[in-house]
């Protein structure tokens, strides 16, 4: 049982690192990312920055093992919104095969991360690193 918990924490730290990196990239590339926000969504670049903050705070939450349930569910919700509002329309309206393939990769990527976030949120009642054999 000892290795299971250590491997789980490593996986959580990997996710946290990815989310913090995505958050930083949202700030560094805000002008490039704003073009993906549909025209009917008001706020423009503000949403890019809000998502950047959300990704960073979610990653910090996973590292500190605090508010994991809320952070996991909110991260999954944001990613599902991305799939529905951004990636799926890009996939359906792609002008060429390469763009369509990239949109599909983004859909699968966000769904995979959302699945991991849901798994973390569902198991958040075990937020501490337990090394007992009774777990």
C-alpha atoms as a PDB file:
ATOM      1  CA  UNK A   1       0.000   0.000   0.000  1.00  0.00           C
ATOM      2  CA  UNK A   2       2.892   2.380   0.631  1.00  0.00           C
ATOM      3  CA  UNK A   3       3.839   2.684  -3.035  1.00  0.00           C
ATOM      4  CA  UNK A   4       0.249   3.339  -4.105  1.00  0.00           C
ATOM      5  CA  UNK A   5       0.051   6.526  -2.050  1.00  0.00           C
ATOM      6  CA  UNK A   6       3.446   7.776  -3.159  1.00  0.00           C
ATOM      7  CA  UNK A   7       2.644   7.141  -6.818  1.00  0.00           C
ATOM      8  CA  UNK A   8      -0.735   8.862  -6.375  1.00  0.00           C
ATOM      9  CA  UNK A   9       0.899  11.942  -4.886  1.00  0.00           C
ATOM     10  CA  UNK A  10       3.426  12.047  -7.731  1.00  0.00           C
ATOM     11  CA  UNK A  11       0.543  11.914 -10.228  1.00  0.00           C
ATOM     12  CA  UNK A  12      -1.215  14.745  -8.386  1.00  0.00           C
ATOM     13  CA  UNK A  13       1.972  16.834  -8.369  1.00  0.00           C
ATOM     14  CA  UNK A  14       2.351  16.232 -12.109  1.00  0.00           C
ATOM     15  CA  UNK A  15      -1.198  17.453 -12.716  1.00  0.00           C
ATOM     16  CA  UNK A  16      -0.591  20.451 -10.464  1.00  0.00           C
ATOM     17  CA  UNK A  17       2.585  21.323 -12.367  1.00  0.00           C
ATOM     18  CA  UNK A  18       0.767  21.089 -15.692  1.00  0.00           C
ATOM     19  CA  UNK A  19      -2.094  23.287 -14.462  1.00  0.00           C
ATOM     20  CA  UNK A  20       0.265  25.918 -13.029  1.00  0.00           C
ATOM     21  CA  UNK A  21       2.207  25.917 -16.309  1.00  0.00           C
ATOM     22  CA  UNK A  22      -1.032  26.326 -18.292  1.00  0.00           C
ATOM     23  CA  UNK A  23      -2.001  29.191 -15.982  1.00  0.00           C
ATOM     24  CA  UNK A  24       1.316  30.964 -16.501  1.00  0.00           C
ATOM     25  CA  UNK A  25       1.034  30.444 -20.262  1.00  0.00           C
ATOM     26  CA  UNK A  26      -2.410  32.084 -20.166  1.00  0.00           C
ATOM     27  CA  UNK A  27      -0.781  35.244 -18.811  1.00  0.00           C
ATOM     28  CA  UNK A  28       2.225  35.114 -21.113  1.00  0.00           C
ATOM     29  CA  UNK A  29       0.127  34.489 -24.244  1.00  0.00           C
ATOM     30  CA  UNK A  30      -3.119  36.264 -23.356  1.00  0.00           C
ATOM     31  CA  UNK A  31      -3.298  38.183 -26.646  1.00  0.00           C
ATOM     32  CA  UNK A  32      -2.843  34.967 -28.645  1.00  0.00           C
ATOM     33  CA  UNK A  33      -5.440  33.038 -26.611  1.00  0.00           C
ATOM     34  CA  UNK A  34      -8.160  35.695 -26.682  1.00  0.00           C
ATOM     35  CA  UNK A  35      -8.905  34.806 -30.320  1.00  0.00           C
ATOM     36  CA  UNK A  36     -10.302  31.439 -29.149  1.00  0.00           C
ATOM     37  CA  UNK A  37     -13.022  33.080 -27.076  1.00  0.00           C
ATOM     38  CA  UNK A  38     -16.237  33.137 -29.126  1.00  0.00           C
ATOM     39  CA  UNK A  39     -17.489  36.581 -30.126  1.00  0.00           C
ATOM     40  CA  UNK A  40     -20.759  36.081 -28.246  1.00  0.00           C
ATOM     41  CA  UNK A  41     -18.903  35.781 -24.906  1.00  0.00           C
ATOM     42  CA  UNK A  42     -18.316  39.251 -23.415  1.00  0.00           C
ATOM     43  CA  UNK A  43     -15.139  40.034 -21.528  1.00  0.00           C
ATOM     44  CA  UNK A  44     -12.464  38.996 -24.010  1.00  0.00           C
ATOM     45  CA  UNK A  45      -9.001  38.967 -22.481  1.00  0.00           C
ATOM     46  CA  UNK A  46     -10.460  39.128 -18.968  1.00  0.00           C
ATOM     47  CA  UNK A  47     -11.576  35.489 -19.381  1.00  0.00           C
ATOM     48  CA  UNK A  48      -8.081  34.426 -20.426  1.00  0.00           C
ATOM     49  CA  UNK A  49      -6.697  35.964 -17.229  1.00  0.00           C
ATOM     50  CA  UNK A  50      -9.454  34.500 -15.035  1.00  0.00           C
ATOM     51  CA  UNK A  51      -8.777  31.031 -16.431  1.00  0.00           C
ATOM     52  CA  UNK A  52      -5.038  31.551 -15.875  1.00  0.00           C
ATOM     53  CA  UNK A  53      -5.678  32.403 -12.225  1.00  0.00           C
ATOM     54  CA  UNK A  54      -8.049  29.432 -11.878  1.00  0.00           C
ATOM     55  CA  UNK A  55      -5.456  27.027 -13.297  1.00  0.00           C
ATOM     56  CA  UNK A  56      -2.741  28.339 -10.978  1.00  0.00           C
ATOM     57  CA  UNK A  57      -4.980  28.255  -7.897  1.00  0.00           C
ATOM     58  CA  UNK A  58      -6.152  24.751  -8.784  1.00  0.00           C
ATOM     59  CA  UNK A  59      -2.559  23.558  -9.094  1.00  0.00           C
ATOM     60  CA  UNK A  60      -1.640  25.152  -5.770  1.00  0.00           C
ATOM     61  CA  UNK A  61      -4.696  23.544  -4.174  1.00  0.00           C
ATOM     62  CA  UNK A  62      -3.588  20.107  -5.370  1.00  0.00           C
ATOM     63  CA  UNK A  63      -0.012  20.643  -4.138  1.00  0.00           C
ATOM     64  CA  UNK A  64      -1.103  21.932  -0.716  1.00  0.00           C
ATOM     65  CA  UNK A  65      -3.845  19.291  -0.499  1.00  0.00           C
ATOM     66  CA  UNK A  66      -6.418  21.929   0.508  1.00  0.00           C
ATOM     67  CA  UNK A  67      -9.843  22.501  -1.051  1.00  0.00           C
ATOM     68  CA  UNK A  68      -9.111  19.606  -3.423  1.00  0.00           C
ATOM     69  CA  UNK A  69     -12.764  18.626  -3.857  1.00  0.00           C
ATOM     70  CA  UNK A  70     -13.819  22.134  -4.883  1.00  0.00           C
ATOM     71  CA  UNK A  71     -10.730  22.705  -7.041  1.00  0.00           C
ATOM     72  CA  UNK A  72     -11.172  19.365  -8.804  1.00  0.00           C
ATOM     73  CA  UNK A  73     -14.832  19.904  -9.605  1.00  0.00           C
ATOM     74  CA  UNK A  74     -14.254  23.500 -10.752  1.00  0.00           C
ATOM     75  CA  UNK A  75     -11.307  22.489 -12.930  1.00  0.00           C
ATOM     76  CA  UNK A  76     -13.395  19.748 -14.542  1.00  0.00           C
ATOM     77  CA  UNK A  77     -16.248  22.208 -15.115  1.00  0.00           C
ATOM     78  CA  UNK A  78     -13.939  24.746 -16.789  1.00  0.00           C
ATOM     79  CA  UNK A  79     -12.491  22.060 -19.033  1.00  0.00           C
ATOM     80  CA  UNK A  80     -15.941  20.744 -20.015  1.00  0.00           C
ATOM     81  CA  UNK A  81     -16.933  24.315 -20.922  1.00  0.00           C
ATOM     82  CA  UNK A  82     -13.785  24.578 -23.068  1.00  0.00           C
ATOM     83  CA  UNK A  83     -14.723  21.390 -24.894  1.00  0.00           C
ATOM     84  CA  UNK A  84     -18.289  22.543 -25.573  1.00  0.00           C
ATOM     85  CA  UNK A  85     -17.664  26.241 -26.287  1.00  0.00           C
ATOM     86  CA  UNK A  86     -14.233  26.231 -27.949  1.00  0.00           C
ATOM     87  CA  UNK A  87     -12.862  22.870 -29.056  1.00  0.00           C
ATOM     88  CA  UNK A  88     -16.016  21.172 -30.365  1.00  0.00           C
ATOM     89  CA  UNK A  89     -17.007  24.136 -32.574  1.00  0.00           C
ATOM     90  CA  UNK A  90     -13.406  24.302 -33.829  1.00  0.00           C
ATOM     91  CA  UNK A  91     -13.563  20.611 -34.650  1.00  0.00           C
ATOM     92  CA  UNK A  92     -16.932  20.851 -36.402  1.00  0.00           C
ATOM     93  CA  UNK A  93     -16.014  23.983 -38.378  1.00  0.00           C
ATOM     94  CA  UNK A  94     -12.408  23.125 -39.215  1.00  0.00           C
ATOM     95  CA  UNK A  95     -11.389  24.106 -42.706  1.00  0.00           C
ATOM     96  CA  UNK A  96      -8.727  21.451 -43.118  1.00  0.00           C
ATOM     97  CA  UNK A  97      -7.654  18.108 -41.693  1.00  0.00           C
ATOM     98  CA  UNK A  98      -4.783  19.473 -39.637  1.00  0.00           C
ATOM     99  CA  UNK A  99      -6.992  22.005 -37.835  1.00  0.00           C
ATOM    100  CA  UNK A 100      -9.616  19.316 -37.249  1.00  0.00           C
ATOM    101  CA  UNK A 101      -6.985  16.960 -35.824  1.00  0.00           C
ATOM    102  CA  UNK A 102      -5.646  19.654 -33.476  1.00  0.00           C
ATOM    103  CA  UNK A 103      -9.172  20.422 -32.262  1.00  0.00           C
ATOM    104  CA  UNK A 104      -9.761  16.711 -31.595  1.00  0.00           C
ATOM    105  CA  UNK A 105      -6.476  16.505 -29.680  1.00  0.00           C
ATOM    106  CA  UNK A 106      -7.579  19.515 -27.576  1.00  0.00           C
ATOM    107  CA  UNK A 107     -10.943  17.837 -26.892  1.00  0.00           C
ATOM    108  CA  UNK A 108      -9.277  14.611 -25.773  1.00  0.00           C
ATOM    109  CA  UNK A 109      -6.638  16.460 -23.743  1.00  0.00           C
ATOM    110  CA  UNK A 110      -9.201  18.520 -21.836  1.00  0.00           C
ATOM    111  CA  UNK A 111     -11.446  15.490 -21.265  1.00  0.00           C
ATOM    112  CA  UNK A 112      -8.504  13.481 -19.891  1.00  0.00           C
ATOM    113  CA  UNK A 113      -7.473  16.252 -17.496  1.00  0.00           C
ATOM    114  CA  UNK A 114     -11.124  16.760 -16.475  1.00  0.00           C
ATOM    115  CA  UNK A 115     -11.405  13.032 -15.764  1.00  0.00           C
ATOM    116  CA  UNK A 116      -8.343  13.137 -13.537  1.00  0.00           C
ATOM    117  CA  UNK A 117      -9.681  16.235 -11.765  1.00  0.00           C
ATOM    118  CA  UNK A 118     -13.026  14.484 -11.157  1.00  0.00           C
ATOM    119  CA  UNK A 119     -11.185  11.463  -9.789  1.00  0.00           C
ATOM    120  CA  UNK A 120      -9.247  13.692  -7.390  1.00  0.00           C
ATOM    121  CA  UNK A 121     -12.386  15.524  -6.310  1.00  0.00           C
ATOM    122  CA  UNK A 122     -14.309  12.302  -5.718  1.00  0.00           C
ATOM    123  CA  UNK A 123     -11.517  10.926  -3.541  1.00  0.00           C
ATOM    124  CA  UNK A 124     -10.805  14.157  -1.682  1.00  0.00           C
ATOM    125  CA  UNK A 125     -11.958  12.700   1.643  1.00  0.00           C
ATOM    126  CA  UNK A 126      -8.559  10.943   1.658  1.00  0.00           C
ATOM    127  CA  UNK A 127      -6.548  14.132   1.239  1.00  0.00           C
ATOM    128  CA  UNK A 128      -3.702  13.271   3.576  1.00  0.00           C
ATOM    129  CA  UNK A 129      -0.871  10.942   2.695  1.00  0.00           C
ATOM    130  CA  UNK A 130      -1.805   7.751   4.594  1.00  0.00           C
ATOM    131  CA  UNK A 131       0.795   5.068   4.946  1.00  0.00           C
ATOM    132  CA  UNK A 132      -1.279   2.649   7.006  1.00  0.00           C
ATOM    133  CA  UNK A 133      -2.031  -0.766   5.554  1.00  0.00           C
ATOM    134  CA  UNK A 134      -5.707  -0.407   6.545  1.00  0.00           C
ATOM    135  CA  UNK A 135      -6.469   2.107   3.777  1.00  0.00           C
END
